[in-house]
Protein backbone atom coordinates (compact mmCIF):
# COMPACT_ATOMS: atom_id res chain seq x y z
CA UNK A 1 0.00 0.00 0.00
CA UNK A 2 2.89 2.32 0.78
CA UNK A 3 4.31 1.84 -2.71
CA UNK A 4 0.95 2.74 -4.25
CA UNK A 5 0.76 5.97 -2.25
CA UNK A 6 4.32 6.92 -3.17
CA UNK A 7 3.66 6.29 -6.87
CA UNK A 8 0.47 8.34 -6.61
CA UNK A 9 2.40 11.22 -5.08
CA UNK A 10 5.06 10.97 -7.80
CA UNK A 11 2.36 11.21 -10.49
CA UNK A 12 0.81 14.15 -8.63
CA UNK A 13 4.23 15.83 -8.54
CA UNK A 14 4.59 15.38 -12.29
CA UNK A 15 1.13 16.84 -12.90
CA UNK A 16 1.90 19.78 -10.62
CA UNK A 17 5.16 20.49 -12.46
CA UNK A 18 3.31 20.33 -15.79
CA UNK A 19 0.72 22.74 -14.38
CA UNK A 20 3.45 25.16 -13.32
CA UNK A 21 5.44 24.99 -16.58
CA UNK A 22 2.74 24.87 -19.24
CA UNK A 23 0.15 27.63 -19.67
CA UNK A 24 -2.26 25.20 -21.39
CA UNK A 25 -2.67 22.98 -18.30
CA UNK A 26 -4.67 24.16 -15.30
CA UNK A 27 -5.30 22.25 -12.08
CA UNK A 28 -7.53 23.96 -9.54
CA UNK A 29 -6.79 22.70 -6.05
CA UNK A 30 -5.00 19.88 -4.31
CA UNK A 31 -8.01 17.59 -4.43
CA UNK A 32 -8.20 17.83 -8.21
CA UNK A 33 -4.45 17.16 -8.37
CA UNK A 34 -4.65 13.96 -6.30
CA UNK A 35 -7.77 12.71 -8.11
CA UNK A 36 -6.08 13.46 -11.46
CA UNK A 37 -3.03 11.44 -10.44
CA UNK A 38 -5.27 8.54 -9.39
CA UNK A 39 -7.33 8.65 -12.60
CA UNK A 40 -4.12 8.92 -14.65
CA UNK A 41 -2.94 5.65 -13.12
CA UNK A 42 -6.23 3.96 -14.03
CA UNK A 43 -6.19 5.40 -17.56
CA UNK A 44 -2.58 4.27 -18.07
CA UNK A 45 -3.48 0.79 -16.86
CA UNK A 46 -6.70 0.29 -18.85
CA UNK A 47 -7.21 2.75 -21.72
CA UNK A 48 -3.63 3.47 -22.82
CA UNK A 49 -2.82 -0.18 -23.78
CA UNK A 50 -5.93 -0.25 -25.96
CA UNK A 51 -4.87 3.00 -27.65
CA UNK A 52 -1.36 1.64 -28.20
CA UNK A 53 -2.70 -1.48 -29.93
CA UNK A 54 -5.18 0.47 -32.07
CA UNK A 55 -2.54 2.97 -33.20
CA UNK A 56 0.24 0.41 -33.73
CA UNK A 57 0.47 0.88 -37.54
CA UNK A 58 0.77 4.66 -37.15
CA UNK A 59 3.29 4.21 -34.34
CA UNK A 60 5.42 1.94 -36.53
CA UNK A 61 5.16 4.37 -39.43
CA UNK A 62 6.41 7.24 -37.27
CA UNK A 63 9.11 5.08 -35.64
CA UNK A 64 7.46 5.33 -32.23
CA UNK A 65 6.96 9.08 -32.09
CA UNK A 66 3.19 8.70 -32.22
CA UNK A 67 3.37 7.24 -28.69
CA UNK A 68 3.90 10.82 -27.50
CA UNK A 69 0.50 11.70 -28.98
CA UNK A 70 -1.04 8.59 -27.38
CA UNK A 71 0.31 9.73 -24.00
CA UNK A 72 -1.16 13.18 -24.64
CA UNK A 73 -4.50 11.60 -25.49
CA UNK A 74 -4.39 9.67 -22.22
CA UNK A 75 -3.83 12.92 -20.34
CA UNK A 76 -6.72 14.50 -22.30
CA UNK A 77 -8.98 11.65 -21.14
CA UNK A 78 -7.99 12.39 -17.55
CA UNK A 79 -8.80 16.08 -18.04
CA UNK A 80 -12.16 15.11 -19.52
CA UNK A 81 -12.99 12.89 -16.54
CA UNK A 82 -11.74 15.04 -13.65
CA UNK A 83 -13.41 18.35 -12.81
CA UNK A 84 -10.85 20.99 -11.92
CA UNK A 85 -8.27 19.68 -14.40
CA UNK A 86 -8.28 21.45 -17.77
CA UNK A 87 -6.07 21.13 -20.85
CA UNK A 88 -6.29 23.72 -23.61
CA UNK A 89 -5.05 21.68 -26.59
CA UNK A 90 -3.47 18.40 -27.62
CA UNK A 91 0.04 19.86 -27.78
CA UNK A 92 -0.22 21.02 -24.18
CA UNK A 93 -1.40 17.54 -23.23
CA UNK A 94 1.48 15.93 -25.13
CA UNK A 95 4.09 18.17 -23.51
CA UNK A 96 2.41 17.64 -20.14
CA UNK A 97 2.56 13.87 -20.63
CA UNK A 98 6.28 14.16 -21.42
CA UNK A 99 6.83 16.19 -18.23
CA UNK A 100 4.85 13.69 -16.14
CA UNK A 101 6.77 10.78 -17.70
CA UNK A 102 10.18 12.33 -17.10
CA UNK A 103 9.27 13.27 -13.53
CA UNK A 104 8.01 9.75 -12.83
CA UNK A 105 11.10 8.21 -14.41
CA UNK A 106 13.51 10.35 -12.36
CA UNK A 107 11.61 9.88 -9.09
CA UNK A 108 11.21 6.13 -9.66
CA UNK A 109 14.98 5.81 -9.87
CA UNK A 110 15.06 6.62 -6.15
CA UNK A 111 11.99 4.70 -5.02
CA UNK A 112 11.80 0.92 -4.82
CA UNK A 113 8.81 -1.30 -5.40
CA UNK A 114 7.80 -1.16 -1.74
CA UNK A 115 7.76 2.64 -1.73
CA UNK A 116 10.99 3.01 0.22
CA UNK A 117 13.64 5.51 -0.74
CA UNK A 118 16.61 3.64 -2.15
CA UNK A 119 20.11 4.72 -2.76
CA UNK A 120 22.91 3.13 -4.67
CA UNK A 121 25.29 1.14 -2.52
CA UNK A 122 28.98 0.85 -3.13
CA UNK A 123 30.02 -2.73 -3.70
CA UNK A 124 33.56 -3.69 -2.81
CA UNK A 125 35.14 -6.90 -3.95
CA UNK A 126 38.26 -8.01 -2.12
CA UNK A 127 40.93 -10.34 -3.40
CA UNK A 128 40.51 -9.49 -7.08
CA UNK A 129 42.67 -7.42 -9.34
CA UNK A 130 41.82 -6.05 -12.70
CA UNK A 131 44.91 -5.30 -14.75
CA UNK A 132 44.53 -3.48 -18.03
C-alpha atoms as a PDB file:
ATOM      1  CA  UNK A   1       0.000   0.000   0.000  1.00  0.00           C
ATOM      2  CA  UNK A   2       2.889   2.319   0.776  1.00  0.00           C
ATOM      3  CA  UNK A   3       4.307   1.838  -2.714  1.00  0.00           C
ATOM      4  CA  UNK A   4       0.950   2.745  -4.248  1.00  0.00           C
ATOM      5  CA  UNK A   5       0.756   5.969  -2.253  1.00  0.00           C
ATOM      6  CA  UNK A   6       4.321   6.915  -3.165  1.00  0.00           C
ATOM      7  CA  UNK A   7       3.662   6.293  -6.873  1.00  0.00           C
ATOM      8  CA  UNK A   8       0.465   8.342  -6.610  1.00  0.00           C
ATOM      9  CA  UNK A   9       2.401  11.221  -5.079  1.00  0.00           C
ATOM     10  CA  UNK A  10       5.057  10.965  -7.800  1.00  0.00           C
ATOM     11  CA  UNK A  11       2.362  11.207 -10.487  1.00  0.00           C
ATOM     12  CA  UNK A  12       0.815  14.153  -8.634  1.00  0.00           C
ATOM     13  CA  UNK A  13       4.228  15.834  -8.539  1.00  0.00           C
ATOM     14  CA  UNK A  14       4.590  15.379 -12.295  1.00  0.00           C
ATOM     15  CA  UNK A  15       1.134  16.835 -12.900  1.00  0.00           C
ATOM     16  CA  UNK A  16       1.898  19.778 -10.620  1.00  0.00           C
ATOM     17  CA  UNK A  17       5.162  20.490 -12.464  1.00  0.00           C
ATOM     18  CA  UNK A  18       3.307  20.332 -15.793  1.00  0.00           C
ATOM     19  CA  UNK A  19       0.723  22.737 -14.380  1.00  0.00           C
ATOM     20  CA  UNK A  20       3.448  25.159 -13.320  1.00  0.00           C
ATOM     21  CA  UNK A  21       5.439  24.993 -16.578  1.00  0.00           C
ATOM     22  CA  UNK A  22       2.740  24.874 -19.242  1.00  0.00           C
ATOM     23  CA  UNK A  23       0.151  27.628 -19.668  1.00  0.00           C
ATOM     24  CA  UNK A  24      -2.257  25.201 -21.385  1.00  0.00           C
ATOM     25  CA  UNK A  25      -2.665  22.984 -18.301  1.00  0.00           C
ATOM     26  CA  UNK A  26      -4.672  24.160 -15.301  1.00  0.00           C
ATOM     27  CA  UNK A  27      -5.303  22.246 -12.083  1.00  0.00           C
ATOM     28  CA  UNK A  28      -7.528  23.957  -9.535  1.00  0.00           C
ATOM     29  CA  UNK A  29      -6.786  22.700  -6.048  1.00  0.00           C
ATOM     30  CA  UNK A  30      -5.001  19.883  -4.305  1.00  0.00           C
ATOM     31  CA  UNK A  31      -8.012  17.591  -4.433  1.00  0.00           C
ATOM     32  CA  UNK A  32      -8.201  17.831  -8.212  1.00  0.00           C
ATOM     33  CA  UNK A  33      -4.453  17.164  -8.371  1.00  0.00           C
ATOM     34  CA  UNK A  34      -4.647  13.958  -6.301  1.00  0.00           C
ATOM     35  CA  UNK A  35      -7.767  12.715  -8.112  1.00  0.00           C
ATOM     36  CA  UNK A  36      -6.085  13.463 -11.459  1.00  0.00           C
ATOM     37  CA  UNK A  37      -3.035  11.436 -10.444  1.00  0.00           C
ATOM     38  CA  UNK A  38      -5.272   8.540  -9.387  1.00  0.00           C
ATOM     39  CA  UNK A  39      -7.329   8.653 -12.596  1.00  0.00           C
ATOM     40  CA  UNK A  40      -4.121   8.921 -14.650  1.00  0.00           C
ATOM     41  CA  UNK A  41      -2.944   5.653 -13.122  1.00  0.00           C
ATOM     42  CA  UNK A  42      -6.232   3.960 -14.028  1.00  0.00           C
ATOM     43  CA  UNK A  43      -6.186   5.400 -17.563  1.00  0.00           C
ATOM     44  CA  UNK A  44      -2.579   4.275 -18.067  1.00  0.00           C
ATOM     45  CA  UNK A  45      -3.481   0.790 -16.859  1.00  0.00           C
ATOM     46  CA  UNK A  46      -6.702   0.292 -18.851  1.00  0.00           C
ATOM     47  CA  UNK A  47      -7.213   2.752 -21.716  1.00  0.00           C
ATOM     48  CA  UNK A  48      -3.632   3.468 -22.821  1.00  0.00           C
ATOM     49  CA  UNK A  49      -2.822  -0.176 -23.777  1.00  0.00           C
ATOM     50  CA  UNK A  50      -5.932  -0.248 -25.958  1.00  0.00           C
ATOM     51  CA  UNK A  51      -4.868   2.998 -27.654  1.00  0.00           C
ATOM     52  CA  UNK A  52      -1.362   1.637 -28.200  1.00  0.00           C
ATOM     53  CA  UNK A  53      -2.698  -1.479 -29.928  1.00  0.00           C
ATOM     54  CA  UNK A  54      -5.183   0.474 -32.065  1.00  0.00           C
ATOM     55  CA  UNK A  55      -2.539   2.971 -33.203  1.00  0.00           C
ATOM     56  CA  UNK A  56       0.243   0.414 -33.730  1.00  0.00           C
ATOM     57  CA  UNK A  57       0.468   0.882 -37.541  1.00  0.00           C
ATOM     58  CA  UNK A  58       0.772   4.658 -37.148  1.00  0.00           C
ATOM     59  CA  UNK A  59       3.291   4.208 -34.340  1.00  0.00           C
ATOM     60  CA  UNK A  60       5.418   1.938 -36.534  1.00  0.00           C
ATOM     61  CA  UNK A  61       5.159   4.370 -39.432  1.00  0.00           C
ATOM     62  CA  UNK A  62       6.410   7.245 -37.270  1.00  0.00           C
ATOM     63  CA  UNK A  63       9.113   5.084 -35.641  1.00  0.00           C
ATOM     64  CA  UNK A  64       7.461   5.330 -32.235  1.00  0.00           C
ATOM     65  CA  UNK A  65       6.960   9.077 -32.092  1.00  0.00           C
ATOM     66  CA  UNK A  66       3.187   8.704 -32.217  1.00  0.00           C
ATOM     67  CA  UNK A  67       3.370   7.244 -28.686  1.00  0.00           C
ATOM     68  CA  UNK A  68       3.898  10.819 -27.500  1.00  0.00           C
ATOM     69  CA  UNK A  69       0.504  11.697 -28.980  1.00  0.00           C
ATOM     70  CA  UNK A  70      -1.040   8.591 -27.382  1.00  0.00           C
ATOM     71  CA  UNK A  71       0.314   9.727 -24.000  1.00  0.00           C
ATOM     72  CA  UNK A  72      -1.160  13.178 -24.638  1.00  0.00           C
ATOM     73  CA  UNK A  73      -4.504  11.603 -25.486  1.00  0.00           C
ATOM     74  CA  UNK A  74      -4.393   9.674 -22.218  1.00  0.00           C
ATOM     75  CA  UNK A  75      -3.835  12.919 -20.345  1.00  0.00           C
ATOM     76  CA  UNK A  76      -6.716  14.502 -22.299  1.00  0.00           C
ATOM     77  CA  UNK A  77      -8.975  11.646 -21.145  1.00  0.00           C
ATOM     78  CA  UNK A  78      -7.993  12.390 -17.546  1.00  0.00           C
ATOM     79  CA  UNK A  79      -8.798  16.082 -18.045  1.00  0.00           C
ATOM     80  CA  UNK A  80     -12.162  15.111 -19.521  1.00  0.00           C
ATOM     81  CA  UNK A  81     -12.989  12.885 -16.539  1.00  0.00           C
ATOM     82  CA  UNK A  82     -11.745  15.036 -13.649  1.00  0.00           C
ATOM     83  CA  UNK A  83     -13.414  18.352 -12.810  1.00  0.00           C
ATOM     84  CA  UNK A  84     -10.845  20.985 -11.923  1.00  0.00           C
ATOM     85  CA  UNK A  85      -8.268  19.683 -14.404  1.00  0.00           C
ATOM     86  CA  UNK A  86      -8.279  21.452 -17.773  1.00  0.00           C
ATOM     87  CA  UNK A  87      -6.073  21.128 -20.850  1.00  0.00           C
ATOM     88  CA  UNK A  88      -6.293  23.722 -23.612  1.00  0.00           C
ATOM     89  CA  UNK A  89      -5.051  21.684 -26.590  1.00  0.00           C
ATOM     90  CA  UNK A  90      -3.473  18.399 -27.617  1.00  0.00           C
ATOM     91  CA  UNK A  91       0.039  19.859 -27.778  1.00  0.00           C
ATOM     92  CA  UNK A  92      -0.218  21.016 -24.179  1.00  0.00           C
ATOM     93  CA  UNK A  93      -1.403  17.542 -23.233  1.00  0.00           C
ATOM     94  CA  UNK A  94       1.481  15.928 -25.129  1.00  0.00           C
ATOM     95  CA  UNK A  95       4.088  18.173 -23.514  1.00  0.00           C
ATOM     96  CA  UNK A  96       2.410  17.638 -20.141  1.00  0.00           C
ATOM     97  CA  UNK A  97       2.562  13.872 -20.631  1.00  0.00           C
ATOM     98  CA  UNK A  98       6.281  14.160 -21.419  1.00  0.00           C
ATOM     99  CA  UNK A  99       6.834  16.187 -18.231  1.00  0.00           C
ATOM    100  CA  UNK A 100       4.848  13.688 -16.143  1.00  0.00           C
ATOM    101  CA  UNK A 101       6.772  10.776 -17.696  1.00  0.00           C
ATOM    102  CA  UNK A 102      10.185  12.328 -17.098  1.00  0.00           C
ATOM    103  CA  UNK A 103       9.267  13.265 -13.535  1.00  0.00           C
ATOM    104  CA  UNK A 104       8.014   9.747 -12.827  1.00  0.00           C
ATOM    105  CA  UNK A 105      11.102   8.211 -14.412  1.00  0.00           C
ATOM    106  CA  UNK A 106      13.508  10.350 -12.356  1.00  0.00           C
ATOM    107  CA  UNK A 107      11.607   9.879  -9.094  1.00  0.00           C
ATOM    108  CA  UNK A 108      11.205   6.131  -9.658  1.00  0.00           C
ATOM    109  CA  UNK A 109      14.978   5.815  -9.872  1.00  0.00           C
ATOM    110  CA  UNK A 110      15.065   6.624  -6.150  1.00  0.00           C
ATOM    111  CA  UNK A 111      11.990   4.698  -5.022  1.00  0.00           C
ATOM    112  CA  UNK A 112      11.797   0.922  -4.825  1.00  0.00           C
ATOM    113  CA  UNK A 113       8.807  -1.302  -5.397  1.00  0.00           C
ATOM    114  CA  UNK A 114       7.798  -1.160  -1.744  1.00  0.00           C
ATOM    115  CA  UNK A 115       7.763   2.642  -1.731  1.00  0.00           C
ATOM    116  CA  UNK A 116      10.990   3.011   0.216  1.00  0.00           C
ATOM    117  CA  UNK A 117      13.637   5.511  -0.741  1.00  0.00           C
ATOM    118  CA  UNK A 118      16.605   3.637  -2.149  1.00  0.00           C
ATOM    119  CA  UNK A 119      20.115   4.718  -2.765  1.00  0.00           C
ATOM    120  CA  UNK A 120      22.907   3.132  -4.665  1.00  0.00           C
ATOM    121  CA  UNK A 121      25.287   1.141  -2.515  1.00  0.00           C
ATOM    122  CA  UNK A 122      28.978   0.852  -3.129  1.00  0.00           C
ATOM    123  CA  UNK A 123      30.023  -2.729  -3.696  1.00  0.00           C
ATOM    124  CA  UNK A 124      33.563  -3.685  -2.809  1.00  0.00           C
ATOM    125  CA  UNK A 125      35.140  -6.902  -3.949  1.00  0.00           C
ATOM    126  CA  UNK A 126      38.262  -8.008  -2.118  1.00  0.00           C
ATOM    127  CA  UNK A 127      40.933 -10.336  -3.404  1.00  0.00           C
ATOM    128  CA  UNK A 128      40.508  -9.490  -7.081  1.00  0.00           C
ATOM    129  CA  UNK A 129      42.672  -7.424  -9.345  1.00  0.00           C
ATOM    130  CA  UNK A 130      41.817  -6.049 -12.701  1.00  0.00           C
ATOM    131  CA  UNK A 131      44.907  -5.303 -14.748  1.00  0.00           C
ATOM    132  CA  UNK A 132      44.530  -3.481 -18.027  1.00  0.00           C
END
